[in-house]
């Protein structure tokens, strides 16, 4: 995505727009795989209805009492909803329907969103380690 954003021109070729769309699609698909693993391994609860993608994202922003804290913040969840919407859109259109001016904000924010996600996941893991350490402490 960095390579696509290096060009300051407002217009992009069909191939560049299609590539950007594919990157955005893959970005959210990868995140959703992480969420699914958390939902199965920790929550023992994977949404199964028609809106399961939205429910899974919401589930990750909610703590499950006695099991885990929220995996991501509500703020990050709100930002990721745009990438989920795009992923759905991307799967249901023809590539020539993608417009650079519509996806450019998602492309421009991708690195920042990814950084936020990594930070929140590391915090979550650090808290789990701390809780495990406290459980195993003699004090």
N, C-alpha and C. Protein backbone atom coordinates (compact mmCIF):
# COMPACT_ATOMS: atom_id res chain seq x y z
N UNK A 1 0.83 -1.18 0.00
CA UNK A 1 0.00 0.00 0.00
C UNK A 1 0.88 1.25 0.00
N UNK A 2 1.99 1.19 0.74
CA UNK A 2 2.90 2.34 0.76
C UNK A 2 3.33 2.70 -0.65
N UNK A 3 3.63 1.69 -1.44
CA UNK A 3 4.07 1.92 -2.82
C UNK A 3 2.97 2.61 -3.63
N UNK A 4 1.74 2.19 -3.46
CA UNK A 4 0.62 2.81 -4.18
C UNK A 4 0.40 4.26 -3.74
N UNK A 5 0.67 4.54 -2.49
CA UNK A 5 0.43 5.88 -1.96
C UNK A 5 1.59 6.85 -2.24
N UNK A 6 2.72 6.33 -2.69
CA UNK A 6 3.87 7.20 -3.00
C UNK A 6 3.53 8.21 -4.09
N UNK A 7 2.75 7.81 -5.04
CA UNK A 7 2.35 8.66 -6.15
C UNK A 7 1.34 9.70 -5.64
N UNK A 8 1.66 10.99 -5.80
CA UNK A 8 0.78 12.06 -5.31
C UNK A 8 -0.37 12.40 -6.24
N UNK A 9 -0.37 11.81 -7.41
CA UNK A 9 -1.43 12.12 -8.37
C UNK A 9 -2.79 11.69 -7.81
N UNK A 10 -3.82 12.45 -8.14
CA UNK A 10 -5.15 12.15 -7.64
C UNK A 10 -5.80 10.97 -8.35
N UNK A 11 -5.37 10.67 -9.55
CA UNK A 11 -5.97 9.59 -10.31
C UNK A 11 -5.04 8.38 -10.29
N UNK A 12 -5.63 7.21 -10.36
CA UNK A 12 -4.86 5.96 -10.40
C UNK A 12 -5.36 5.12 -11.56
N UNK A 13 -4.49 4.28 -12.05
CA UNK A 13 -4.87 3.37 -13.13
C UNK A 13 -5.82 2.30 -12.57
N UNK A 14 -6.50 1.62 -13.45
CA UNK A 14 -7.38 0.53 -13.06
C UNK A 14 -6.61 -0.51 -12.25
N UNK A 15 -5.41 -0.85 -12.69
CA UNK A 15 -4.61 -1.87 -12.01
C UNK A 15 -4.24 -1.42 -10.60
N UNK A 16 -3.87 -0.16 -10.44
CA UNK A 16 -3.51 0.36 -9.12
C UNK A 16 -4.72 0.35 -8.18
N UNK A 17 -5.86 0.76 -8.69
CA UNK A 17 -7.07 0.79 -7.86
C UNK A 17 -7.48 -0.63 -7.48
N UNK A 18 -7.40 -1.52 -8.44
CA UNK A 18 -7.73 -2.92 -8.18
C UNK A 18 -6.77 -3.53 -7.16
N UNK A 19 -5.49 -3.21 -7.28
CA UNK A 19 -4.49 -3.70 -6.31
C UNK A 19 -4.77 -3.16 -4.92
N UNK A 20 -5.08 -1.88 -4.84
CA UNK A 20 -5.40 -1.27 -3.54
C UNK A 20 -6.62 -1.95 -2.92
N UNK A 21 -7.63 -2.20 -3.74
CA UNK A 21 -8.82 -2.89 -3.25
C UNK A 21 -8.50 -4.27 -2.72
N UNK A 22 -7.66 -4.98 -3.43
CA UNK A 22 -7.27 -6.32 -3.01
C UNK A 22 -6.50 -6.28 -1.69
N UNK A 23 -5.64 -5.30 -1.53
CA UNK A 23 -4.87 -5.14 -0.28
C UNK A 23 -5.82 -4.85 0.87
N UNK A 24 -6.78 -3.96 0.66
CA UNK A 24 -7.75 -3.63 1.72
C UNK A 24 -8.57 -4.87 2.08
N UNK A 25 -8.98 -5.61 1.08
CA UNK A 25 -9.74 -6.85 1.31
C UNK A 25 -8.93 -7.83 2.14
N UNK A 26 -7.68 -8.05 1.74
CA UNK A 26 -6.83 -8.99 2.45
C UNK A 26 -6.54 -8.53 3.87
N UNK A 27 -6.40 -7.23 4.05
CA UNK A 27 -6.13 -6.67 5.38
C UNK A 27 -7.24 -7.06 6.35
N UNK A 28 -8.47 -6.80 5.97
CA UNK A 28 -9.55 -7.12 6.90
C UNK A 28 -9.75 -8.63 7.03
N UNK A 29 -9.58 -9.36 5.96
CA UNK A 29 -9.72 -10.81 6.03
C UNK A 29 -8.73 -11.41 7.02
N UNK A 30 -7.51 -10.89 7.03
CA UNK A 30 -6.50 -11.35 7.98
C UNK A 30 -6.88 -11.03 9.41
N UNK A 31 -7.39 -9.84 9.62
CA UNK A 31 -7.83 -9.44 10.97
C UNK A 31 -8.96 -10.35 11.43
N UNK A 32 -9.88 -10.62 10.53
CA UNK A 32 -11.02 -11.46 10.90
C UNK A 32 -10.58 -12.87 11.27
N UNK A 33 -9.52 -13.37 10.64
CA UNK A 33 -9.00 -14.70 11.01
C UNK A 33 -8.50 -14.69 12.45
N UNK A 34 -7.84 -13.60 12.84
CA UNK A 34 -7.38 -13.47 14.23
C UNK A 34 -8.59 -13.46 15.16
N UNK A 35 -9.60 -12.67 14.81
CA UNK A 35 -10.80 -12.57 15.64
C UNK A 35 -11.49 -13.93 15.78
N UNK A 36 -11.55 -14.68 14.70
CA UNK A 36 -12.19 -16.00 14.75
C UNK A 36 -11.44 -16.92 15.70
N UNK A 37 -10.12 -16.86 15.68
CA UNK A 37 -9.33 -17.71 16.58
C UNK A 37 -9.58 -17.35 18.03
N UNK A 38 -9.65 -16.05 18.32
CA UNK A 38 -9.94 -15.61 19.69
C UNK A 38 -11.33 -16.08 20.09
N UNK A 39 -12.30 -15.91 19.20
CA UNK A 39 -13.68 -16.29 19.50
C UNK A 39 -13.80 -17.79 19.79
N UNK A 40 -13.09 -18.61 19.04
CA UNK A 40 -13.16 -20.06 19.22
C UNK A 40 -12.35 -20.49 20.45
N UNK A 41 -11.11 -20.03 20.53
CA UNK A 41 -10.20 -20.50 21.57
C UNK A 41 -10.52 -19.94 22.96
N UNK A 42 -10.91 -18.68 23.03
CA UNK A 42 -11.12 -18.07 24.34
C UNK A 42 -12.60 -17.95 24.70
N UNK A 43 -13.40 -17.49 23.74
CA UNK A 43 -14.81 -17.21 24.04
C UNK A 43 -15.68 -18.45 23.94
N UNK A 44 -15.21 -19.44 23.18
CA UNK A 44 -16.01 -20.62 22.87
C UNK A 44 -17.36 -20.20 22.27
N UNK A 45 -17.29 -19.15 21.45
CA UNK A 45 -18.52 -18.58 20.90
C UNK A 45 -18.20 -17.87 19.58
N UNK A 46 -18.55 -18.51 18.49
CA UNK A 46 -18.36 -17.93 17.16
C UNK A 46 -19.73 -17.64 16.57
N UNK A 47 -20.04 -16.37 16.27
CA UNK A 47 -21.35 -16.06 15.70
C UNK A 47 -21.58 -16.87 14.42
N UNK A 48 -22.84 -17.25 14.20
CA UNK A 48 -23.14 -18.11 13.05
C UNK A 48 -24.26 -17.58 12.17
N UNK A 49 -24.92 -16.51 12.55
CA UNK A 49 -26.04 -16.04 11.73
C UNK A 49 -25.55 -15.24 10.53
N UNK A 50 -26.46 -14.68 9.79
CA UNK A 50 -26.12 -13.97 8.55
C UNK A 50 -25.19 -12.78 8.77
N UNK A 51 -25.33 -12.12 9.89
CA UNK A 51 -24.49 -10.95 10.20
C UNK A 51 -23.29 -11.31 11.07
N UNK A 52 -22.80 -12.52 10.95
CA UNK A 52 -21.75 -12.98 11.86
C UNK A 52 -20.49 -12.14 11.77
N UNK A 53 -20.19 -11.57 10.61
CA UNK A 53 -18.98 -10.75 10.47
C UNK A 53 -19.06 -9.53 11.39
N UNK A 54 -20.20 -8.86 11.36
CA UNK A 54 -20.42 -7.67 12.21
C UNK A 54 -20.43 -8.06 13.68
N UNK A 55 -21.10 -9.15 13.98
CA UNK A 55 -21.18 -9.60 15.37
C UNK A 55 -19.81 -9.99 15.92
N UNK A 56 -19.01 -10.63 15.09
CA UNK A 56 -17.67 -11.01 15.52
C UNK A 56 -16.84 -9.78 15.85
N UNK A 57 -16.91 -8.77 15.00
CA UNK A 57 -16.18 -7.53 15.26
C UNK A 57 -16.65 -6.90 16.58
N UNK A 58 -17.94 -6.84 16.78
CA UNK A 58 -18.48 -6.28 18.04
C UNK A 58 -18.06 -7.12 19.24
N UNK A 59 -18.07 -8.44 19.08
CA UNK A 59 -17.68 -9.35 20.16
C UNK A 59 -16.26 -9.07 20.63
N UNK A 60 -15.38 -8.73 19.69
CA UNK A 60 -13.98 -8.49 20.05
C UNK A 60 -13.81 -7.21 20.87
N UNK A 61 -14.76 -6.30 20.79
CA UNK A 61 -14.67 -5.04 21.54
C UNK A 61 -15.37 -5.11 22.89
N UNK A 62 -15.92 -6.28 23.20
CA UNK A 62 -16.61 -6.46 24.48
C UNK A 62 -15.85 -7.44 25.36
N UNK A 63 -15.74 -7.13 26.65
CA UNK A 63 -15.14 -8.11 27.56
C UNK A 63 -16.12 -9.26 27.79
N UNK A 64 -15.59 -10.41 28.08
CA UNK A 64 -16.43 -11.55 28.45
C UNK A 64 -16.05 -11.87 29.90
N UNK A 65 -16.96 -11.55 30.78
CA UNK A 65 -16.70 -11.64 32.21
C UNK A 65 -16.23 -13.05 32.59
N UNK A 66 -15.13 -13.07 33.30
CA UNK A 66 -14.55 -14.33 33.75
C UNK A 66 -13.70 -15.04 32.72
N UNK A 67 -13.69 -14.50 31.48
CA UNK A 67 -12.92 -15.17 30.42
C UNK A 67 -11.81 -14.27 29.90
N UNK A 68 -12.20 -13.06 29.46
CA UNK A 68 -11.19 -12.16 28.90
C UNK A 68 -11.69 -10.73 28.92
N UNK A 69 -10.71 -9.81 28.85
CA UNK A 69 -11.03 -8.40 28.65
C UNK A 69 -11.38 -8.20 27.18
N UNK A 70 -11.81 -6.99 26.84
CA UNK A 70 -12.06 -6.72 25.41
C UNK A 70 -10.74 -6.91 24.66
N UNK A 71 -10.84 -7.54 23.50
CA UNK A 71 -9.65 -7.81 22.69
C UNK A 71 -9.19 -6.55 21.98
N UNK A 72 -10.14 -5.73 21.52
CA UNK A 72 -9.84 -4.43 20.91
C UNK A 72 -10.73 -3.38 21.55
N UNK A 73 -10.36 -2.13 21.38
CA UNK A 73 -11.16 -1.03 21.92
C UNK A 73 -12.36 -0.75 21.03
N UNK A 74 -13.35 -0.09 21.59
CA UNK A 74 -14.52 0.31 20.81
C UNK A 74 -14.12 1.30 19.72
N UNK A 75 -13.14 2.15 20.00
CA UNK A 75 -12.66 3.10 19.00
C UNK A 75 -12.08 2.40 17.79
N UNK A 76 -11.26 1.39 18.04
CA UNK A 76 -10.69 0.62 16.93
C UNK A 76 -11.78 -0.16 16.21
N UNK A 77 -12.73 -0.69 16.96
CA UNK A 77 -13.84 -1.41 16.33
C UNK A 77 -14.56 -0.51 15.33
N UNK A 78 -14.81 0.73 15.72
CA UNK A 78 -15.50 1.68 14.84
C UNK A 78 -14.70 1.89 13.56
N UNK A 79 -13.41 2.03 13.68
CA UNK A 79 -12.56 2.22 12.50
C UNK A 79 -12.54 0.97 11.62
N UNK A 80 -12.49 -0.19 12.26
CA UNK A 80 -12.45 -1.44 11.50
C UNK A 80 -13.77 -1.73 10.78
N UNK A 81 -14.87 -1.17 11.27
CA UNK A 81 -16.16 -1.36 10.59
C UNK A 81 -16.09 -0.87 9.15
N UNK A 82 -15.33 0.18 8.91
CA UNK A 82 -15.19 0.70 7.54
C UNK A 82 -14.47 -0.31 6.65
N UNK A 83 -13.48 -0.99 7.19
CA UNK A 83 -12.75 -1.99 6.43
C UNK A 83 -13.62 -3.24 6.21
N UNK A 84 -14.43 -3.59 7.19
CA UNK A 84 -15.38 -4.69 7.02
C UNK A 84 -16.39 -4.35 5.92
N UNK A 85 -16.93 -3.14 5.96
CA UNK A 85 -17.88 -2.72 4.92
C UNK A 85 -17.23 -2.78 3.54
N UNK A 86 -15.98 -2.29 3.48
CA UNK A 86 -15.29 -2.33 2.19
C UNK A 86 -15.10 -3.76 1.72
N UNK A 87 -14.68 -4.65 2.62
CA UNK A 87 -14.46 -6.04 2.24
C UNK A 87 -15.72 -6.65 1.65
N UNK A 88 -16.86 -6.37 2.28
CA UNK A 88 -18.14 -6.86 1.76
C UNK A 88 -18.42 -6.27 0.37
N UNK A 89 -18.20 -4.97 0.25
CA UNK A 89 -18.40 -4.28 -1.02
C UNK A 89 -17.52 -4.90 -2.11
N UNK A 90 -16.24 -5.09 -1.78
CA UNK A 90 -15.26 -5.61 -2.73
C UNK A 90 -15.65 -6.99 -3.26
N UNK A 91 -16.21 -7.80 -2.38
CA UNK A 91 -16.61 -9.15 -2.77
C UNK A 91 -17.86 -9.18 -3.65
N UNK A 92 -18.59 -8.07 -3.67
CA UNK A 92 -19.87 -8.08 -4.37
C UNK A 92 -19.95 -7.12 -5.55
N UNK A 93 -18.81 -6.67 -6.04
CA UNK A 93 -18.80 -5.78 -7.20
C UNK A 93 -17.83 -6.31 -8.23
N UNK A 94 -17.84 -5.67 -9.37
CA UNK A 94 -16.82 -5.91 -10.39
C UNK A 94 -15.69 -4.92 -10.15
N UNK A 95 -14.47 -5.33 -10.42
CA UNK A 95 -13.30 -4.50 -10.15
C UNK A 95 -13.36 -3.12 -10.78
N UNK A 96 -13.96 -3.01 -11.96
CA UNK A 96 -14.00 -1.70 -12.62
C UNK A 96 -14.89 -0.71 -11.88
N UNK A 97 -15.69 -1.18 -10.93
CA UNK A 97 -16.56 -0.29 -10.17
C UNK A 97 -15.84 0.43 -9.02
N UNK A 98 -14.63 -0.01 -8.70
CA UNK A 98 -13.86 0.65 -7.64
C UNK A 98 -13.44 2.04 -8.09
N UNK A 99 -13.53 2.99 -7.19
CA UNK A 99 -13.14 4.38 -7.47
C UNK A 99 -12.08 4.79 -6.46
N UNK A 100 -10.97 5.31 -6.98
CA UNK A 100 -9.85 5.70 -6.13
C UNK A 100 -10.26 6.71 -5.07
N UNK A 101 -11.04 7.72 -5.45
CA UNK A 101 -11.41 8.75 -4.48
C UNK A 101 -12.25 8.19 -3.34
N UNK A 102 -12.91 7.05 -3.56
CA UNK A 102 -13.71 6.43 -2.50
C UNK A 102 -12.86 5.58 -1.56
N UNK A 103 -11.84 4.92 -2.09
CA UNK A 103 -11.05 4.02 -1.25
C UNK A 103 -9.76 4.67 -0.73
N UNK A 104 -9.40 5.80 -1.26
CA UNK A 104 -8.16 6.46 -0.84
C UNK A 104 -8.09 6.68 0.68
N UNK A 105 -9.17 7.14 1.34
CA UNK A 105 -9.07 7.32 2.80
C UNK A 105 -8.75 6.01 3.54
N UNK A 106 -9.34 4.92 3.11
CA UNK A 106 -9.04 3.63 3.73
C UNK A 106 -7.58 3.25 3.50
N UNK A 107 -7.10 3.50 2.29
CA UNK A 107 -5.71 3.20 1.96
C UNK A 107 -4.76 4.06 2.79
N UNK A 108 -5.07 5.33 2.90
CA UNK A 108 -4.21 6.26 3.63
C UNK A 108 -4.15 5.95 5.12
N UNK A 109 -5.22 5.42 5.67
CA UNK A 109 -5.27 5.13 7.11
C UNK A 109 -4.82 3.72 7.46
N UNK A 110 -4.57 2.91 6.47
CA UNK A 110 -4.28 1.49 6.69
C UNK A 110 -3.10 1.28 7.65
N UNK A 111 -2.01 1.96 7.42
CA UNK A 111 -0.82 1.77 8.26
C UNK A 111 -1.11 2.16 9.71
N UNK A 112 -1.82 3.25 9.90
CA UNK A 112 -2.16 3.71 11.24
C UNK A 112 -3.09 2.72 11.95
N UNK A 113 -4.10 2.24 11.24
CA UNK A 113 -5.04 1.28 11.81
C UNK A 113 -4.31 -0.01 12.18
N UNK A 114 -3.43 -0.46 11.30
CA UNK A 114 -2.66 -1.67 11.57
C UNK A 114 -1.78 -1.49 12.80
N UNK A 115 -1.16 -0.32 12.93
CA UNK A 115 -0.35 -0.04 14.11
C UNK A 115 -1.17 -0.06 15.38
N UNK A 116 -2.37 0.53 15.33
CA UNK A 116 -3.26 0.52 16.49
C UNK A 116 -3.66 -0.91 16.86
N UNK A 117 -3.97 -1.71 15.85
CA UNK A 117 -4.36 -3.10 16.09
C UNK A 117 -3.23 -3.86 16.76
N UNK A 118 -2.03 -3.74 16.22
CA UNK A 118 -0.89 -4.44 16.82
C UNK A 118 -0.68 -4.02 18.27
N UNK A 119 -0.77 -2.72 18.52
CA UNK A 119 -0.58 -2.21 19.88
C UNK A 119 -1.64 -2.79 20.83
N UNK A 120 -2.89 -2.81 20.40
CA UNK A 120 -3.95 -3.32 21.26
C UNK A 120 -3.82 -4.82 21.48
N UNK A 121 -3.40 -5.56 20.48
CA UNK A 121 -3.20 -7.00 20.66
C UNK A 121 -2.05 -7.26 21.62
N UNK A 122 -0.94 -6.51 21.49
CA UNK A 122 0.18 -6.68 22.41
C UNK A 122 -0.23 -6.34 23.84
N UNK A 123 -1.04 -5.31 24.02
CA UNK A 123 -1.53 -4.95 25.36
C UNK A 123 -2.40 -6.07 25.92
N UNK A 124 -3.27 -6.60 25.10
CA UNK A 124 -4.14 -7.69 25.51
C UNK A 124 -3.29 -8.88 25.98
N UNK A 125 -2.30 -9.25 25.18
CA UNK A 125 -1.43 -10.38 25.53
C UNK A 125 -0.63 -10.11 26.80
N UNK A 126 -0.16 -8.88 26.93
CA UNK A 126 0.59 -8.51 28.13
C UNK A 126 -0.30 -8.64 29.38
N UNK A 127 -1.55 -8.23 29.27
CA UNK A 127 -2.48 -8.34 30.40
C UNK A 127 -2.76 -9.80 30.74
N UNK A 128 -2.87 -10.65 29.73
CA UNK A 128 -3.08 -12.08 29.98
C UNK A 128 -1.87 -12.65 30.73
N UNK A 129 -0.67 -12.30 30.28
CA UNK A 129 0.54 -12.78 30.95
C UNK A 129 0.57 -12.31 32.40
N UNK A 130 0.19 -11.05 32.62
CA UNK A 130 0.17 -10.51 33.97
C UNK A 130 -0.83 -11.25 34.85
N UNK A 131 -2.01 -11.53 34.31
CA UNK A 131 -3.03 -12.27 35.06
C UNK A 131 -2.55 -13.68 35.37
N UNK A 132 -1.93 -14.34 34.41
CA UNK A 132 -1.40 -15.68 34.65
C UNK A 132 -0.31 -15.66 35.71
N UNK A 133 0.53 -14.65 35.65
CA UNK A 133 1.60 -14.52 36.63
C UNK A 133 1.03 -14.31 38.03
N UNK A 134 -0.02 -13.49 38.13
CA UNK A 134 -0.66 -13.24 39.42
C UNK A 134 -1.33 -14.49 39.97
N UNK A 135 -1.90 -15.31 39.09
CA UNK A 135 -2.53 -16.56 39.52
C UNK A 135 -1.51 -17.53 40.09
N UNK A 136 -0.31 -17.52 39.51
CA UNK A 136 0.73 -18.45 39.92
C UNK A 136 1.62 -17.91 41.05
N UNK A 137 1.33 -16.71 41.51
CA UNK A 137 2.14 -16.10 42.57
C UNK A 137 1.78 -16.69 43.93
N UNK A 138 2.77 -16.76 44.79
CA UNK A 138 2.54 -17.26 46.15
C UNK A 138 1.89 -16.21 47.04
N UNK A 139 1.80 -15.00 46.57
CA UNK A 139 1.29 -13.91 47.41
C UNK A 139 -0.13 -13.60 47.10
